[in-house]
């Protein structure tokens, strides 16, 4: 039974860290054109609130 707790306490954070690292590596970056379109859309939304 102690081995189960050992696996949970030490293995859990390692697995969680590996999943987070994998997710960060796989995340797609925006292209320059996509960044510009996002900025323009944000400006348009804020201007329409006035």
PDB file of N, CA and C in Angstrom:
ATOM      1  N   UNK A   1       0.824  -1.203   0.000  1.00  0.00           N
ATOM      2  CA  UNK A   1       0.000   0.000   0.000  1.00  0.00           C
ATOM      3  C   UNK A   1       0.863   1.259   0.000  1.00  0.00           C
ATOM      4  N   UNK A   2       2.031   1.172   0.638  1.00  0.00           N
ATOM      5  CA  UNK A   2       2.919   2.334   0.672  1.00  0.00           C
ATOM      6  C   UNK A   2       3.456   2.668  -0.714  1.00  0.00           C
ATOM      7  N   UNK A   3       3.598   1.647  -1.552  1.00  0.00           N
ATOM      8  CA  UNK A   3       4.095   1.889  -2.905  1.00  0.00           C
ATOM      9  C   UNK A   3       3.109   2.713  -3.721  1.00  0.00           C
ATOM     10  N   UNK A   4       1.821   2.513  -3.446  1.00  0.00           N
ATOM     11  CA  UNK A   4       0.796   3.293  -4.145  1.00  0.00           C
ATOM     12  C   UNK A   4       0.929   4.774  -3.801  1.00  0.00           C
ATOM     13  N   UNK A   5       1.098   5.075  -2.513  1.00  0.00           N
ATOM     14  CA  UNK A   5       1.258   6.467  -2.112  1.00  0.00           C
ATOM     15  C   UNK A   5       2.548   7.068  -2.677  1.00  0.00           C
ATOM     16  N   UNK A   6       3.591   6.265  -2.709  1.00  0.00           N
ATOM     17  CA  UNK A   6       4.846   6.724  -3.301  1.00  0.00           C
ATOM     18  C   UNK A   6       4.630   7.100  -4.764  1.00  0.00           C
ATOM     19  N   UNK A   7       3.900   6.259  -5.494  1.00  0.00           N
ATOM     20  CA  UNK A   7       3.632   6.530  -6.908  1.00  0.00           C
ATOM     21  C   UNK A   7       2.785   7.787  -7.076  1.00  0.00           C
ATOM     22  N   UNK A   8       1.805   7.963  -6.210  1.00  0.00           N
ATOM     23  CA  UNK A   8       0.920   9.135  -6.301  1.00  0.00           C
ATOM     24  C   UNK A   8       1.674  10.416  -5.963  1.00  0.00           C
ATOM     25  N   UNK A   9       2.421  10.390  -4.875  1.00  0.00           N
ATOM     26  CA  UNK A   9       3.095  11.601  -4.391  1.00  0.00           C
ATOM     27  C   UNK A   9       4.254  12.010  -5.295  1.00  0.00           C
ATOM     28  N   UNK A  10       5.020  11.067  -5.782  1.00  0.00           N
ATOM     29  CA  UNK A  10       6.177  11.403  -6.597  1.00  0.00           C
ATOM     30  C   UNK A  10       5.915  11.299  -8.096  1.00  0.00           C
ATOM     31  N   UNK A  11       5.111  10.351  -8.494  1.00  0.00           N
ATOM     32  CA  UNK A  11       4.834  10.169  -9.915  1.00  0.00           C
ATOM     33  C   UNK A  11       3.818  11.159 -10.458  1.00  0.00           C
ATOM     34  N   UNK A  12       2.846  11.551  -9.639  1.00  0.00           N
ATOM     35  CA  UNK A  12       1.800  12.472 -10.080  1.00  0.00           C
ATOM     36  C   UNK A  12       2.342  13.800 -10.590  1.00  0.00           C
ATOM     37  N   UNK A  13       3.151  14.501  -9.807  1.00  0.00           N
ATOM     38  CA  UNK A  13       3.701  15.769 -10.282  1.00  0.00           C
ATOM     39  C   UNK A  13       4.589  15.625 -11.522  1.00  0.00           C
ATOM     40  N   UNK A  14       5.286  14.503 -11.620  1.00  0.00           N
ATOM     41  CA  UNK A  14       6.134  14.280 -12.792  1.00  0.00           C
ATOM     42  C   UNK A  14       5.269  14.128 -14.038  1.00  0.00           C
ATOM     43  N   UNK A  15       4.199  13.349 -13.923  1.00  0.00           N
ATOM     44  CA  UNK A  15       3.287  13.163 -15.061  1.00  0.00           C
ATOM     45  C   UNK A  15       2.619  14.485 -15.410  1.00  0.00           C
ATOM     46  N   UNK A  16       2.153  15.217 -14.409  1.00  0.00           N
ATOM     47  CA  UNK A  16       1.511  16.509 -14.645  1.00  0.00           C
ATOM     48  C   UNK A  16       2.474  17.482 -15.318  1.00  0.00           C
ATOM     49  N   UNK A  17       3.711  17.531 -14.852  1.00  0.00           N
ATOM     50  CA  UNK A  17       4.713  18.404 -15.463  1.00  0.00           C
ATOM     51  C   UNK A  17       5.002  18.024 -16.902  1.00  0.00           C
ATOM     52  N   UNK A  18       5.057  16.736 -17.175  1.00  0.00           N
ATOM     53  CA  UNK A  18       5.304  16.277 -18.546  1.00  0.00           C
ATOM     54  C   UNK A  18       4.150  16.666 -19.466  1.00  0.00           C
ATOM     55  N   UNK A  19       2.928  16.540 -18.980  1.00  0.00           N
ATOM     56  CA  UNK A  19       1.760  16.931 -19.791  1.00  0.00           C
ATOM     57  C   UNK A  19       1.776  18.426 -20.061  1.00  0.00           C
ATOM     58  N   UNK A  20       2.071  19.225 -19.047  1.00  0.00           N
ATOM     59  CA  UNK A  20       2.138  20.678 -19.240  1.00  0.00           C
ATOM     60  C   UNK A  20       3.247  21.059 -20.218  1.00  0.00           C
ATOM     61  N   UNK A  21       4.406  20.448 -20.097  1.00  0.00           N
ATOM     62  CA  UNK A  21       5.518  20.747 -21.000  1.00  0.00           C
ATOM     63  C   UNK A  21       5.164  20.369 -22.435  1.00  0.00           C
ATOM     64  N   UNK A  22       4.533  19.226 -22.623  1.00  0.00           N
ATOM     65  CA  UNK A  22       4.124  18.800 -23.953  1.00  0.00           C
ATOM     66  C   UNK A  22       3.114  19.781 -24.551  1.00  0.00           C
ATOM     67  N   UNK A  23       2.168  20.206 -23.752  1.00  0.00           N
ATOM     68  CA  UNK A  23       1.178  21.166 -24.218  1.00  0.00           C
ATOM     69  C   UNK A  23       1.801  22.491 -24.621  1.00  0.00           C
ATOM     70  N   UNK A  24       2.782  22.955 -23.860  1.00  0.00           N
ATOM     71  CA  UNK A  24       3.447  24.215 -24.192  1.00  0.00           C
ATOM     72  C   UNK A  24       4.272  24.088 -25.470  1.00  0.00           C
ATOM     73  N   UNK A  25       4.870  22.931 -25.689  1.00  0.00           N
ATOM     74  CA  UNK A  25       5.681  22.738 -26.892  1.00  0.00           C
ATOM     75  C   UNK A  25       4.810  22.627 -28.140  1.00  0.00           C
ATOM     76  N   UNK A  26       3.628  22.074 -27.992  1.00  0.00           N
ATOM     77  CA  UNK A  26       2.741  21.860 -29.137  1.00  0.00           C
ATOM     78  C   UNK A  26       1.905  23.091 -29.476  1.00  0.00           C
ATOM     79  N   UNK A  27       1.873  24.090 -28.597  1.00  0.00           N
ATOM     80  CA  UNK A  27       1.035  25.271 -28.812  1.00  0.00           C
ATOM     81  C   UNK A  27       1.484  26.012 -30.070  1.00  0.00           C
ATOM     82  N   UNK A  28       0.509  26.330 -30.905  1.00  0.00           N
ATOM     83  CA  UNK A  28       0.807  26.999 -32.170  1.00  0.00           C
ATOM     84  C   UNK A  28       0.963  28.497 -31.952  1.00  0.00           C
ATOM     85  N   UNK A  29       1.983  29.065 -32.518  1.00  0.00           N
ATOM     86  CA  UNK A  29       2.216  30.509 -32.439  1.00  0.00           C
ATOM     87  C   UNK A  29       1.455  31.215 -33.556  1.00  0.00           C
ATOM     88  N   UNK A  30       1.025  32.444 -33.282  1.00  0.00           N
ATOM     89  CA  UNK A  30       0.339  33.232 -34.304  1.00  0.00           C
ATOM     90  C   UNK A  30       1.347  33.799 -35.290  1.00  0.00           C
ATOM     91  N   UNK A  31       0.953  33.849 -36.556  1.00  0.00           N
ATOM     92  CA  UNK A  31       1.795  34.486 -37.564  1.00  0.00           C
ATOM     93  C   UNK A  31       1.667  35.995 -37.412  1.00  0.00           C
ATOM     94  N   UNK A  32       2.532  36.742 -38.069  1.00  0.00           N
ATOM     95  CA  UNK A  32       2.484  38.200 -37.993  1.00  0.00           C
ATOM     96  C   UNK A  32       1.143  38.721 -38.506  1.00  0.00           C
ATOM     97  N   UNK A  33       0.642  38.117 -39.566  1.00  0.00           N
ATOM     98  CA  UNK A  33      -0.644  38.546 -40.127  1.00  0.00           C
ATOM     99  C   UNK A  33      -1.789  38.267 -39.142  1.00  0.00           C
ATOM    100  N   UNK A  34      -1.753  37.139 -38.469  1.00  0.00           N
ATOM    101  CA  UNK A  34      -2.783  36.810 -37.486  1.00  0.00           C
ATOM    102  C   UNK A  34      -2.720  37.742 -36.274  1.00  0.00           C
ATOM    103  N   UNK A  35      -1.506  38.095 -35.846  1.00  0.00           N
ATOM    104  CA  UNK A  35      -1.356  39.036 -34.732  1.00  0.00           C
ATOM    105  C   UNK A  35      -1.950  40.387 -35.093  1.00  0.00           C
ATOM    106  N   UNK A  36      -1.656  40.861 -36.313  1.00  0.00           N
ATOM    107  CA  UNK A  36      -2.167  42.148 -36.759  1.00  0.00           C
ATOM    108  C   UNK A  36      -3.695  42.123 -36.830  1.00  0.00           C
ATOM    109  N   UNK A  37      -4.265  41.056 -37.343  1.00  0.00           N
ATOM    110  CA  UNK A  37      -5.722  40.942 -37.438  1.00  0.00           C
ATOM    111  C   UNK A  37      -6.350  40.939 -36.045  1.00  0.00           C
ATOM    112  N   UNK A  38      -5.704  40.280 -35.100  1.00  0.00           N
ATOM    113  CA  UNK A  38      -6.205  40.246 -33.734  1.00  0.00           C
ATOM    114  C   UNK A  38      -6.182  41.635 -33.100  1.00  0.00           C
ATOM    115  N   UNK A  39      -5.086  42.371 -33.310  1.00  0.00           N
ATOM    116  CA  UNK A  39      -4.984  43.725 -32.770  1.00  0.00           C
ATOM    117  C   UNK A  39      -6.036  44.642 -33.365  1.00  0.00           C
ATOM    118  N   UNK A  40      -6.241  44.549 -34.667  1.00  0.00           N
ATOM    119  CA  UNK A  40      -7.245  45.386 -35.340  1.00  0.00           C
ATOM    120  C   UNK A  40      -8.649  45.072 -34.833  1.00  0.00           C
ATOM    121  N   UNK A  41      -8.955  43.802 -34.652  1.00  0.00           N
ATOM    122  CA  UNK A  41     -10.273  43.415 -34.157  1.00  0.00           C
ATOM    123  C   UNK A  41     -10.492  43.916 -32.731  1.00  0.00           C
ATOM    124  N   UNK A  42      -9.450  43.875 -31.914  1.00  0.00           N
ATOM    125  CA  UNK A  42      -9.552  44.378 -30.552  1.00  0.00           C
ATOM    126  C   UNK A  42      -9.786  45.876 -30.554  1.00  0.00           C
ATOM    127  N   UNK A  43      -9.049  46.609 -31.371  1.00  0.00           N
ATOM    128  CA  UNK A  43      -9.249  48.061 -31.466  1.00  0.00           C
ATOM    129  C   UNK A  43     -10.665  48.388 -31.921  1.00  0.00           C
ATOM    130  N   UNK A  44     -11.156  47.641 -32.894  1.00  0.00           N
ATOM    131  CA  UNK A  44     -12.505  47.866 -33.414  1.00  0.00           C
ATOM    132  C   UNK A  44     -13.546  47.644 -32.310  1.00  0.00           C
ATOM    133  N   UNK A  45     -13.377  46.601 -31.520  1.00  0.00           N
ATOM    134  CA  UNK A  45     -14.309  46.329 -30.431  1.00  0.00           C
ATOM    135  C   UNK A  45     -14.296  47.439 -29.384  1.00  0.00           C
ATOM    136  N   UNK A  46     -13.105  47.920 -29.029  1.00  0.00           N
ATOM    137  CA  UNK A  46     -13.022  48.970 -28.019  1.00  0.00           C
ATOM    138  C   UNK A  46     -13.569  50.289 -28.538  1.00  0.00           C
ATOM    139  N   UNK A  47     -13.383  50.568 -29.825  1.00  0.00           N
ATOM    140  CA  UNK A  47     -13.926  51.794 -30.406  1.00  0.00           C
ATOM    141  C   UNK A  47     -15.458  51.756 -30.432  1.00  0.00           C
ATOM    142  N   UNK A  48     -16.042  50.595 -30.628  1.00  0.00           N
ATOM    143  CA  UNK A  48     -17.504  50.507 -30.714  1.00  0.00           C
ATOM    144  C   UNK A  48     -18.169  50.687 -29.355  1.00  0.00           C
ATOM    145  N   UNK A  49     -17.411  50.558 -28.259  1.00  0.00           N
ATOM    146  CA  UNK A  49     -17.993  50.771 -26.917  1.00  0.00           C
ATOM    147  C   UNK A  49     -18.199  52.248 -26.598  1.00  0.00           C
ATOM    148  N   UNK A  50     -17.505  53.133 -27.282  1.00  0.00           N
ATOM    149  CA  UNK A  50     -17.605  54.573 -26.980  1.00  0.00           C
ATOM    150  C   UNK A  50     -18.926  55.132 -27.300  1.00  0.00           C
TER     151      UNK A  50
END
